[in-house]
Amino acid sequence: MNTLSPVQKADIAARHPQFFDRTSLRPYRAPLLVILAAAYVAFSFWFFAFGKVFSQADYSIAGTYLADWISYEVRPEIDMAADGTMKISYSRFDPLGEDPNPGWVETEKSVVTHQTGTATPTVSLSEPQTTPKSSISLMVPGAAMGSSAPKGPESPPQAPAATAPATVTEEVVTRARIAMSSNSSIEMTANKAVLTRGAETVVVPMGRSDIRIDAPLPDWASQRRPGEKIIASFGFAGWAEVTTNDVKVHKRFLGWANFLFDTRSPFFGKPYSEVASLIFGGPRIDPERSNLALAWNNILYNSEWQHLDVWTKLLQTIVMAFVGTLFASLVAFPLAFVAARNITRNGVANHVTKRSFDFLRSVDMLIWALFFTRGFGPGPLAGISAIFFTDTGTLGKLYSESLENIDEKQREGVRSVGASPIAVQRFGVLPQVLPVFASQALYFWESNTRSATIIGAVGAGGIGLKLWEAMRTNQDWENVGYMVLLILIVVFAFDAVSNAIRTRLMGRR
């Protein structure tokens, strides 16, 4: 096939300029790009159904979720018996301690007398059974424990001994009121619960097989299907779940409860002034150590916040990111010289090394963490290996590209004085790229501090696993907020330090 000569091409362009003049399309480039971008946005809006997603989203969940990070809950539960009496209980590890008696729970009590036993083994369903269940013996009546006497075939089975009726006088709760806020409350009287929020009130009958309410519920109360439980929301103050025989209250308070001392600490519940006076001048609480040592021990081993464990896991994350990034930098440094085409004049070596970098960085760090967790078991070694593999590929690529873009004049100048090949690289290449290498390594160290948190959630150790465990409970969101705050502080500090070091390495003030 014959090709046109430059003269022939110029002649054709002179006779048909409309086919060769590309400047005529320039006025339409900007409008065309705007039209294409608008079409893409419209297609994405339709394809992902953004309108439906935005309209059906429950934005109140986001507010409640964020409120859980900066608050804590007290969860009293009111159980109603068949006779209308009530029992108020709290969760096992309640923030208020072992014997909570908050002022926002008001009760009315009465002294009642009733029988707890009967002359027959039948149990009445109209009142609660307070006596312990009797165990049934399979031995022959009158036989001694461990006796080898044979059982007579004609021995009739004996009925359990009758329990003598007992009359008990006790104090029971007949009315309870929980103040959720200044204008919201939950009040329980005989066989009904009254939920109040502002000027609206919902009366829920209790003690039945299901919950049936004829009147429509307000917006702050919901019931999935008729007869099921009712969930009432009181805004930031909390929420409540009403069933046929109990009410579970979740009352929210701003702040982090028992952040320094848990309920088992002798300093629990005391004002800070009293704690300070006990630490620095009071009599010893524990004869074996000072009050200061006791207070510090109680803070570190706080069962609710687990400060020592959280700080240890955070330090583990920092070390994991540092070691993984350091090893990746040390391995990527010499390999980058092999991958750079202007340093190593070998196409096969260049190609193999670069493809190795592509393989290492093409698999995400989280996937590498899953592989190594399976291979090495949960722990920091899996996290260090995941960071090392991923960053070796990424840093190797960045280092090799920096080497390929160096100024060849400086290397030629060193070579012209008769320097050896090693000296050429040492004095002609390294001064140009070493600050860039160090800057990139510092940036990846800072970035891997965040990434190590994510890979820790899959079992690679560090604070990520601790964070994931707190999130899985779906209740300890204040602990999640605490750990996220620590991670942010570490990331901010590392960012400031790495920026300062990079600035000095690059020679800028």
Protein backbone atom coordinates (compact mmCIF):
# COMPACT_ATOMS: atom_id res chain seq x y z
CA MET A 1 0.00 0.00 0.00
CA ASN A 2 1.46 3.36 -1.11
CA THR A 3 1.57 6.17 1.44
CA LEU A 4 1.16 9.86 0.66
CA SER A 5 4.18 12.06 0.67
CA PRO A 6 4.22 15.28 2.70
CA VAL A 7 3.81 17.30 -0.48
CA GLN A 8 0.72 15.33 -1.50
CA LYS A 9 -0.78 15.71 1.98
CA ALA A 10 -0.24 19.46 1.87
CA ASP A 11 -1.86 19.65 -1.55
CA ILE A 12 -4.97 17.77 -0.37
CA ALA A 13 -5.21 19.96 2.73
CA ALA A 14 -5.05 23.06 0.58
CA ARG A 15 -7.86 21.86 -1.69
CA HIS A 16 -10.12 20.53 1.10
CA PRO A 17 -9.46 22.61 4.25
CA GLN A 18 -12.81 21.71 5.83
CA PHE A 19 -11.60 18.18 6.53
CA PHE A 20 -8.36 19.26 8.16
CA ASP A 21 -9.34 22.38 10.09
CA ARG A 22 -10.08 21.14 13.62
CA THR A 23 -10.50 24.62 15.02
CA SER A 24 -14.08 24.67 13.74
CA LEU A 25 -15.08 22.19 16.50
CA ARG A 26 -13.60 24.15 19.37
CA PRO A 27 -16.66 26.35 20.07
CA TYR A 28 -18.75 23.21 20.57
CA ARG A 29 -16.43 21.38 22.94
CA ALA A 30 -17.53 23.03 26.17
CA PRO A 31 -21.31 22.72 25.51
CA LEU A 32 -20.80 19.12 24.40
CA LEU A 33 -18.96 18.25 27.60
CA VAL A 34 -21.69 19.91 29.69
CA ILE A 35 -24.39 17.94 27.84
CA LEU A 36 -22.53 14.67 28.31
CA ALA A 37 -21.99 15.33 32.02
CA ALA A 38 -25.68 16.24 32.50
CA ALA A 39 -26.74 13.09 30.65
CA TYR A 40 -24.49 10.97 32.85
CA VAL A 41 -25.86 12.53 36.05
CA ALA A 42 -29.44 12.01 34.85
CA PHE A 43 -28.74 8.39 33.98
CA SER A 44 -27.13 7.77 37.37
CA PHE A 45 -30.05 9.44 39.14
CA TRP A 46 -32.46 7.14 37.31
CA PHE A 47 -30.38 3.97 37.51
CA PHE A 48 -29.78 4.17 41.27
CA ALA A 49 -33.29 5.54 42.02
CA PHE A 50 -31.92 8.42 44.07
CA GLY A 51 -35.33 10.08 44.33
CA LYS A 52 -36.93 7.01 45.87
CA VAL A 53 -33.98 6.44 48.17
CA PHE A 54 -34.03 10.01 49.48
CA SER A 55 -37.81 10.08 49.91
CA GLN A 56 -38.04 6.76 51.76
CA ALA A 57 -34.98 7.26 54.00
CA ASP A 58 -35.65 7.43 57.74
CA TYR A 59 -33.51 10.38 58.79
CA SER A 60 -34.51 10.03 62.44
CA ILE A 61 -32.36 6.89 62.65
CA ALA A 62 -29.26 8.93 61.81
CA GLY A 63 -30.03 11.40 64.60
CA THR A 64 -30.57 8.61 67.13
CA TYR A 65 -27.40 6.88 65.95
CA LEU A 66 -25.30 10.01 66.42
CA ALA A 67 -26.89 10.68 69.81
CA ASP A 68 -25.84 7.21 70.99
CA TRP A 69 -22.18 8.19 70.46
CA ILE A 70 -22.31 11.05 72.95
CA SER A 71 -24.72 9.65 75.51
CA TYR A 72 -25.48 6.64 77.64
CA GLU A 73 -28.66 4.81 78.55
CA VAL A 74 -30.27 3.60 81.76
CA ARG A 75 -32.65 0.74 81.04
CA PRO A 76 -35.25 0.09 83.74
CA GLU A 77 -37.77 -2.66 83.03
CA ILE A 78 -41.21 -2.71 84.64
CA ASP A 79 -42.86 -6.14 84.82
CA MET A 80 -46.58 -6.23 85.62
CA ALA A 81 -48.09 -9.24 87.37
CA ALA A 82 -51.59 -10.55 86.82
CA ASP A 83 -52.84 -8.89 90.01
CA GLY A 84 -51.68 -5.45 88.86
CA THR A 85 -48.56 -5.24 91.03
CA MET A 86 -45.23 -4.35 89.45
CA LYS A 87 -41.55 -5.09 89.77
CA ILE A 88 -38.86 -2.68 88.59
CA SER A 89 -35.50 -4.14 87.61
CA TYR A 90 -32.36 -2.80 85.96
CA SER A 91 -29.76 -4.37 83.71
CA ARG A 92 -26.94 -6.33 85.31
CA PHE A 93 -24.23 -3.76 84.56
CA ASP A 94 -26.33 -0.66 85.01
CA PRO A 95 -24.45 2.67 84.97
CA LEU A 96 -26.17 3.64 88.24
CA GLY A 97 -24.60 0.84 90.25
CA GLU A 98 -25.85 -2.21 92.08
CA ASP A 99 -28.81 -0.60 93.91
CA PRO A 100 -30.13 2.14 91.61
CA ASN A 101 -32.78 4.49 92.92
CA PRO A 102 -32.92 7.43 90.46
CA GLY A 103 -35.06 10.44 91.22
CA TRP A 104 -36.79 10.31 87.81
CA VAL A 105 -38.50 7.01 88.79
CA GLU A 106 -41.47 7.59 91.09
CA THR A 107 -43.27 4.67 92.71
CA GLU A 108 -46.24 4.09 94.99
CA LYS A 109 -46.08 1.03 97.20
CA SER A 110 -48.62 -0.89 99.23
CA VAL A 111 -48.36 -3.64 101.80
CA VAL A 112 -50.23 -6.77 100.72
CA THR A 113 -50.75 -10.14 102.37
CA HIS A 114 -51.17 -13.27 100.30
CA GLN A 115 -50.54 -16.99 100.45
CA THR A 116 -47.55 -18.45 98.63
CA GLY A 117 -48.26 -22.19 99.14
CA THR A 118 -51.22 -24.57 98.75
CA ALA A 119 -52.18 -27.90 100.27
CA THR A 120 -52.13 -29.55 96.87
CA PRO A 121 -49.41 -29.52 94.22
CA THR A 122 -51.54 -27.44 91.84
CA VAL A 123 -50.52 -23.84 91.25
CA SER A 124 -52.97 -20.99 90.87
CA LEU A 125 -52.50 -18.95 87.72
CA SER A 126 -54.10 -15.86 89.21
CA GLU A 127 -51.09 -14.98 91.36
CA PRO A 128 -47.33 -15.41 90.95
CA GLN A 129 -45.62 -18.53 92.25
CA THR A 130 -43.05 -17.43 94.82
CA THR A 131 -42.11 -20.75 96.35
CA PRO A 132 -39.31 -22.77 94.77
CA LYS A 133 -40.21 -25.71 92.58
CA SER A 134 -39.93 -29.06 94.36
CA SER A 135 -37.60 -31.66 92.91
CA ILE A 136 -39.04 -35.09 92.12
CA SER A 137 -37.15 -38.06 93.59
CA LEU A 138 -36.92 -41.25 91.54
CA MET A 139 -35.76 -43.34 94.54
CA VAL A 140 -37.91 -45.67 96.60
CA PRO A 141 -39.44 -43.78 99.51
CA GLY A 142 -37.49 -44.47 102.60
CA ALA A 143 -34.46 -45.90 100.79
CA ALA A 144 -31.09 -44.53 101.83
CA MET A 145 -28.80 -42.72 99.38
CA GLY A 146 -26.56 -45.25 97.69
CA SER A 147 -28.57 -48.25 98.98
CA SER A 148 -28.43 -51.40 96.88
CA ALA A 149 -31.79 -52.73 98.06
CA PRO A 150 -33.89 -53.87 95.12
CA LYS A 151 -37.04 -52.05 94.29
CA GLY A 152 -40.20 -54.03 95.01
CA PRO A 153 -42.40 -54.54 91.96
CA GLU A 154 -45.53 -53.96 94.01
CA SER A 155 -44.38 -50.64 95.47
CA PRO A 156 -46.85 -47.95 94.34
CA PRO A 157 -45.48 -44.56 93.35
CA GLN A 158 -45.65 -42.05 96.14
CA ALA A 159 -47.07 -38.54 95.63
CA PRO A 160 -44.81 -35.59 96.50
CA ALA A 161 -45.23 -34.16 99.94
CA ALA A 162 -47.84 -31.44 100.18
CA THR A 163 -46.58 -27.92 100.73
CA ALA A 164 -48.12 -26.16 103.66
CA PRO A 165 -49.70 -22.82 102.80
CA ALA A 166 -47.71 -19.80 103.95
CA THR A 167 -48.98 -16.29 104.47
CA VAL A 168 -46.54 -13.60 103.36
CA THR A 169 -46.77 -9.86 103.94
CA GLU A 170 -44.63 -7.80 101.59
CA GLU A 171 -44.37 -4.36 100.06
CA VAL A 172 -45.15 -4.21 96.33
CA VAL A 173 -45.21 -1.46 93.72
CA THR A 174 -48.74 -0.55 92.64
CA ARG A 175 -47.95 2.50 90.52
CA ALA A 176 -44.82 3.65 88.72
CA ARG A 177 -44.00 6.81 86.79
CA ILE A 178 -40.84 7.42 84.75
CA ALA A 179 -40.13 11.01 83.75
CA MET A 180 -38.48 10.88 80.32
CA SER A 181 -38.24 14.68 80.03
CA SER A 182 -40.00 17.78 81.30
CA ASN A 183 -43.09 17.09 79.16
CA SER A 184 -42.82 13.33 78.52
CA SER A 185 -43.44 10.42 80.85
CA ILE A 186 -44.43 6.79 81.15
CA GLU A 187 -46.94 5.94 83.87
CA MET A 188 -48.06 2.43 84.79
CA THR A 189 -51.11 1.73 86.88
CA ALA A 190 -53.27 -1.38 87.24
CA ASN A 191 -53.13 -3.25 83.91
CA LYS A 192 -52.35 -0.23 81.72
CA ALA A 193 -49.49 2.00 80.63
CA VAL A 194 -49.98 5.68 79.83
CA LEU A 195 -47.42 7.18 77.42
CA THR A 196 -47.29 10.97 77.31
CA ARG A 197 -45.28 13.21 75.02
CA GLY A 198 -46.20 16.85 75.03
CA ALA A 199 -49.96 17.22 74.68
CA GLU A 200 -50.46 13.73 73.20
CA THR A 201 -51.22 10.64 75.26
CA VAL A 202 -51.43 6.94 74.37
CA VAL A 203 -53.13 4.50 76.76
CA VAL A 204 -51.94 0.93 76.28
CA PRO A 205 -53.99 -1.85 77.94
CA MET A 206 -51.83 -4.60 79.44
CA GLY A 207 -52.37 -8.04 80.89
CA ARG A 208 -54.04 -9.35 77.73
CA SER A 209 -52.96 -11.77 75.04
CA ASP A 210 -52.22 -8.91 72.65
CA ILE A 211 -52.30 -5.11 72.44
CA ARG A 212 -55.32 -3.62 70.70
CA ILE A 213 -55.73 0.14 70.40
CA ASP A 214 -58.67 1.53 68.50
CA ALA A 215 -57.48 5.14 68.26
CA PRO A 216 -54.78 5.99 65.71
CA LEU A 217 -51.29 6.26 67.14
CA PRO A 218 -49.36 9.55 67.01
CA ASP A 219 -46.23 9.91 64.91
CA TRP A 220 -43.90 9.16 67.82
CA ALA A 221 -45.51 5.76 68.54
CA SER A 222 -45.51 2.82 66.15
CA GLN A 223 -46.93 -0.69 65.97
CA ARG A 224 -45.96 -2.92 63.07
CA ARG A 225 -49.08 -5.07 63.17
CA PRO A 226 -52.20 -4.97 65.36
CA GLY A 227 -51.64 -6.84 68.59
CA GLU A 228 -47.84 -6.53 68.58
CA LYS A 229 -45.66 -4.40 70.85
CA ILE A 230 -45.69 -0.61 70.71
CA ILE A 231 -42.47 1.38 70.38
CA ALA A 232 -42.63 4.97 71.60
CA SER A 233 -39.93 7.52 70.81
CA PHE A 234 -39.28 10.47 73.11
CA GLY A 235 -36.61 12.18 71.02
CA PHE A 236 -33.20 12.57 72.61
CA ALA A 237 -34.67 11.55 75.96
CA GLY A 238 -34.91 7.93 74.77
CA TRP A 239 -37.55 5.41 73.82
CA ALA A 240 -39.68 2.65 75.30
CA GLU A 241 -40.98 -0.75 74.23
CA VAL A 242 -44.42 -1.77 75.56
CA THR A 243 -45.56 -5.40 75.46
CA THR A 244 -48.53 -7.15 77.04
CA ASN A 245 -46.91 -7.55 80.46
CA ASP A 246 -43.86 -5.28 80.67
CA VAL A 247 -42.36 -1.95 79.62
CA LYS A 248 -38.68 -1.70 78.70
CA VAL A 249 -37.43 1.87 79.00
CA HIS A 250 -34.27 3.28 77.40
CA LYS A 251 -33.65 6.67 78.98
CA ARG A 252 -30.74 8.60 77.48
CA PHE A 253 -28.38 10.98 79.27
CA LEU A 254 -25.80 13.26 77.68
CA GLY A 255 -22.19 12.30 78.38
CA TRP A 256 -20.16 9.17 79.06
CA ALA A 257 -21.12 7.44 82.31
CA ASN A 258 -18.44 6.07 84.66
CA PHE A 259 -15.63 7.09 82.31
CA LEU A 260 -13.01 7.12 85.07
CA PHE A 261 -14.37 4.78 87.74
CA ASP A 262 -16.79 1.91 87.25
CA THR A 263 -19.47 0.83 89.72
CA ARG A 264 -17.08 -1.52 91.58
CA SER A 265 -14.56 1.21 92.37
CA PRO A 266 -14.55 2.75 95.87
CA PHE A 267 -14.39 6.15 94.12
CA PHE A 268 -17.63 5.51 92.18
CA GLY A 269 -20.34 8.12 92.59
CA LYS A 270 -18.17 10.54 94.57
CA PRO A 271 -17.72 14.16 93.40
CA TYR A 272 -14.35 15.07 91.94
CA SER A 273 -13.45 17.24 94.94
CA GLU A 274 -13.94 14.32 97.32
CA VAL A 275 -11.97 12.00 95.02
CA ALA A 276 -9.10 14.51 94.90
CA SER A 277 -9.06 14.85 98.69
CA LEU A 278 -9.03 11.05 99.09
CA ILE A 279 -6.18 10.65 96.60
CA PHE A 280 -3.89 13.34 97.99
CA GLY A 281 -4.71 13.43 101.69
CA GLY A 282 -7.29 10.90 102.80
CA PRO A 283 -6.78 7.68 104.75
CA ARG A 284 -5.77 4.64 102.75
CA ILE A 285 -8.67 2.69 101.30
CA ASP A 286 -6.45 -0.28 100.48
CA PRO A 287 -3.75 -0.89 103.12
CA GLU A 288 -1.38 -2.40 100.53
CA ARG A 289 -1.14 0.66 98.27
CA SER A 290 -1.77 4.38 98.19
CA ASN A 291 -5.03 5.91 97.12
CA LEU A 292 -3.32 7.38 94.06
CA ALA A 293 -2.15 3.94 92.94
CA LEU A 294 -5.59 2.52 93.66
CA ALA A 295 -7.31 5.25 91.63
CA TRP A 296 -4.93 4.77 88.69
CA ASN A 297 -5.51 1.01 88.82
CA ASN A 298 -9.29 1.54 88.85
CA ILE A 299 -9.04 3.81 85.80
CA LEU A 300 -6.87 1.40 83.82
CA TYR A 301 -9.01 -1.63 84.62
CA ASN A 302 -12.37 0.10 84.30
CA SER A 303 -14.69 -2.78 83.34
CA GLU A 304 -17.02 -0.56 81.29
CA TRP A 305 -14.45 1.43 79.28
CA GLN A 306 -11.41 -0.90 79.47
CA HIS A 307 -8.93 1.94 79.08
CA LEU A 308 -5.78 -0.15 79.36
CA ASP A 309 -6.96 -2.67 76.77
CA VAL A 310 -8.07 0.09 74.37
CA TRP A 311 -4.77 1.99 74.70
CA THR A 312 -2.79 -1.22 74.25
CA LYS A 313 -4.74 -2.09 71.10
CA LEU A 314 -4.25 1.46 69.77
CA LEU A 315 -0.48 1.20 70.34
CA GLN A 316 -0.57 -2.17 68.62
CA THR A 317 -2.23 -0.55 65.62
CA ILE A 318 0.42 2.19 65.48
CA VAL A 319 3.28 -0.34 65.68
CA MET A 320 1.58 -2.56 63.10
CA ALA A 321 1.34 0.33 60.64
CA PHE A 322 4.93 1.43 61.31
CA VAL A 323 6.51 -2.02 60.94
CA GLY A 324 4.49 -2.88 57.82
CA THR A 325 5.34 0.43 56.14
CA LEU A 326 9.03 0.22 57.15
CA PHE A 327 9.49 -3.27 55.71
CA ALA A 328 7.60 -2.31 52.54
CA SER A 329 9.86 0.72 52.03
CA LEU A 330 13.03 -1.31 52.56
CA VAL A 331 11.96 -3.97 50.05
CA ALA A 332 10.50 -1.57 47.48
CA PHE A 333 13.64 0.60 47.48
CA PRO A 334 16.04 -1.82 45.70
CA LEU A 335 13.28 -3.35 43.56
CA ALA A 336 12.44 0.11 42.21
CA PHE A 337 15.94 0.40 40.74
CA VAL A 338 15.38 -2.91 38.95
CA ALA A 339 11.99 -1.75 37.63
CA ALA A 340 13.23 1.66 36.39
CA ARG A 341 14.09 1.39 32.68
CA ASN A 342 16.69 4.15 32.77
CA ILE A 343 18.55 2.50 35.67
CA THR A 344 18.40 -1.19 34.74
CA ARG A 345 18.75 -1.69 30.98
CA ASN A 346 17.00 -5.05 30.94
CA GLY A 347 13.49 -5.26 29.54
CA VAL A 348 12.73 -8.65 31.09
CA ALA A 349 13.79 -7.54 34.57
CA ASN A 350 11.83 -4.30 34.20
CA HIS A 351 8.71 -6.10 33.06
CA VAL A 352 8.79 -8.86 35.72
CA THR A 353 9.40 -6.41 38.56
CA LYS A 354 6.66 -4.04 37.47
CA ARG A 355 4.16 -6.85 37.03
CA SER A 356 5.06 -8.06 40.53
CA PHE A 357 4.25 -4.58 41.83
CA ASP A 358 0.92 -4.69 39.97
CA PHE A 359 0.07 -8.05 41.51
CA LEU A 360 0.83 -6.92 45.06
CA ARG A 361 -1.14 -3.70 44.86
CA SER A 362 -4.04 -5.07 42.81
CA VAL A 363 -5.26 -7.10 45.80
CA ASP A 364 -6.75 -4.77 48.40
CA MET A 365 -5.20 -4.59 51.84
CA LEU A 366 -8.40 -5.90 53.42
CA ILE A 367 -8.30 -9.00 51.20
CA TRP A 368 -4.65 -9.60 52.07
CA ALA A 369 -5.60 -9.31 55.74
CA LEU A 370 -8.25 -12.00 55.30
CA PHE A 371 -5.70 -14.27 53.59
CA PHE A 372 -3.08 -13.83 56.30
CA THR A 373 -5.59 -14.11 59.12
CA ARG A 374 -6.49 -17.49 57.70
CA GLY A 375 -2.84 -18.44 57.29
CA PHE A 376 -1.30 -17.04 60.49
CA GLY A 377 -4.33 -16.78 62.72
CA PRO A 378 -5.76 -13.58 64.24
CA GLY A 379 -3.15 -11.14 65.46
CA PRO A 380 -0.78 -8.32 64.48
CA LEU A 381 1.33 -10.56 62.22
CA ALA A 382 -1.56 -10.82 59.76
CA GLY A 383 -1.98 -7.03 59.77
CA ILE A 384 1.73 -6.35 59.30
CA SER A 385 1.87 -8.82 56.39
CA ALA A 386 -1.17 -7.24 54.71
CA ILE A 387 0.33 -3.75 54.96
CA PHE A 388 3.72 -5.02 53.80
CA PHE A 389 2.37 -6.74 50.68
CA THR A 390 0.10 -3.87 49.60
CA ASP A 391 2.60 -1.10 50.23
CA THR A 392 5.48 -2.95 48.61
CA GLY A 393 3.56 -2.90 45.34
CA THR A 394 2.39 0.69 45.65
CA LEU A 395 5.68 2.15 46.88
CA GLY A 396 7.64 0.13 44.32
CA LYS A 397 5.57 1.64 41.52
CA LEU A 398 5.93 5.19 42.88
CA TYR A 399 9.66 4.80 43.49
CA SER A 400 10.32 3.40 40.01
CA GLU A 401 8.36 6.21 38.35
CA SER A 402 10.35 8.77 40.36
CA LEU A 403 13.57 7.15 39.20
CA GLU A 404 12.46 7.24 35.56
CA ASN A 405 11.82 10.99 35.83
CA ILE A 406 15.17 12.04 37.27
CA ASP A 407 17.42 14.64 35.65
CA GLU A 408 19.94 12.65 33.61
CA LYS A 409 22.43 15.56 33.52
CA GLN A 410 23.36 15.07 37.15
CA ARG A 411 24.02 11.38 36.61
CA GLU A 412 26.03 12.08 33.45
CA GLY A 413 28.14 14.61 35.34
CA VAL A 414 29.07 12.03 37.98
CA ARG A 415 29.81 9.43 35.31
CA SER A 416 32.01 11.86 33.36
CA VAL A 417 34.57 12.02 36.19
CA GLY A 418 35.06 8.25 35.97
CA ALA A 419 32.91 7.21 38.93
CA SER A 420 31.90 3.56 39.32
CA PRO A 421 28.29 2.48 38.58
CA ILE A 422 27.52 2.32 42.31
CA ALA A 423 28.94 5.79 42.84
CA VAL A 424 26.87 7.09 39.90
CA GLN A 425 23.69 5.89 41.57
CA ARG A 426 24.83 7.10 44.98
CA PHE A 427 25.76 10.65 43.99
CA GLY A 428 23.84 11.14 40.76
CA VAL A 429 20.47 9.54 41.55
CA LEU A 430 19.86 9.27 45.30
CA PRO A 431 20.15 13.01 46.08
CA GLN A 432 17.33 13.61 43.60
CA VAL A 433 14.91 10.88 44.73
CA LEU A 434 15.67 10.21 48.40
CA PRO A 435 13.57 13.13 49.76
CA VAL A 436 10.70 12.01 47.52
CA PHE A 437 11.03 8.41 48.71
CA ALA A 438 11.03 9.44 52.36
CA SER A 439 8.06 11.75 51.83
CA GLN A 440 6.02 9.01 50.19
CA ALA A 441 6.96 6.51 52.91
CA LEU A 442 5.87 8.97 55.62
CA TYR A 443 2.59 9.57 53.88
CA PHE A 444 1.92 5.84 53.66
CA TRP A 445 2.81 5.41 57.33
CA GLU A 446 0.22 8.03 58.20
CA SER A 447 -2.35 6.46 55.86
CA ASN A 448 -1.68 2.94 57.13
CA THR A 449 -2.48 4.05 60.67
CA ARG A 450 -6.04 4.50 59.45
CA SER A 451 -5.98 1.40 57.26
CA ALA A 452 -4.72 -0.75 60.14
CA THR A 453 -7.93 0.10 62.00
CA ILE A 454 -10.01 -1.35 59.17
CA ILE A 455 -8.01 -4.52 58.69
CA GLY A 456 -8.04 -5.06 62.44
CA ALA A 457 -11.80 -5.55 62.24
CA VAL A 458 -11.31 -8.79 60.28
CA GLY A 459 -9.02 -10.25 62.93
CA ALA A 460 -5.67 -8.66 62.07
CA GLY A 461 -5.27 -7.24 65.57
CA GLY A 462 -5.16 -3.72 66.87
CA ILE A 463 -7.94 -1.39 67.88
CA GLY A 464 -9.98 -2.29 64.81
CA LEU A 465 -11.00 -5.62 66.34
CA LYS A 466 -11.92 -3.88 69.58
CA LEU A 467 -13.96 -1.34 67.63
CA TRP A 468 -15.78 -4.05 65.70
CA GLU A 469 -16.63 -5.93 68.90
CA ALA A 470 -18.18 -2.79 70.38
CA MET A 471 -20.19 -2.12 67.21
CA ARG A 472 -21.53 -5.68 67.07
CA THR A 473 -23.33 -5.28 70.40
CA ASN A 474 -25.38 -2.42 68.88
CA GLN A 475 -25.55 -0.91 72.37
CA ASP A 476 -22.08 0.34 73.34
CA TRP A 477 -21.94 3.20 70.85
CA GLU A 478 -20.39 5.50 73.44
CA ASN A 479 -17.44 3.09 73.54
CA VAL A 480 -17.30 3.28 69.74
CA GLY A 481 -17.24 7.07 69.94
CA TYR A 482 -14.40 6.91 72.49
CA MET A 483 -12.25 4.68 70.27
CA VAL A 484 -12.98 6.73 67.15
CA LEU A 485 -11.93 9.87 69.03
CA LEU A 486 -8.64 8.22 70.01
CA ILE A 487 -8.04 7.19 66.40
CA LEU A 488 -8.70 10.74 65.21
CA ILE A 489 -6.25 12.17 67.75
CA VAL A 490 -3.54 9.73 66.63
CA VAL A 491 -4.19 10.44 62.94
CA PHE A 492 -4.09 14.21 63.50
CA ALA A 493 -0.83 13.91 65.46
CA PHE A 494 0.76 11.68 62.83
CA ASP A 495 -0.36 14.03 60.06
CA ALA A 496 1.29 16.99 61.76
CA VAL A 497 4.51 15.06 62.41
CA SER A 498 4.74 13.60 58.89
CA ASN A 499 4.02 17.00 57.30
CA ALA A 500 6.79 18.60 59.34
CA ILE A 501 9.28 15.86 58.41
CA ARG A 502 8.29 15.93 54.74
CA THR A 503 8.68 19.70 54.63
CA ARG A 504 12.22 19.47 55.98
CA LEU A 505 13.15 16.62 53.64
CA MET A 506 11.88 18.49 50.60
CA GLY A 507 13.88 21.58 51.60
CA ARG A 508 10.91 23.91 52.10
CA ARG A 509 10.10 25.94 55.20
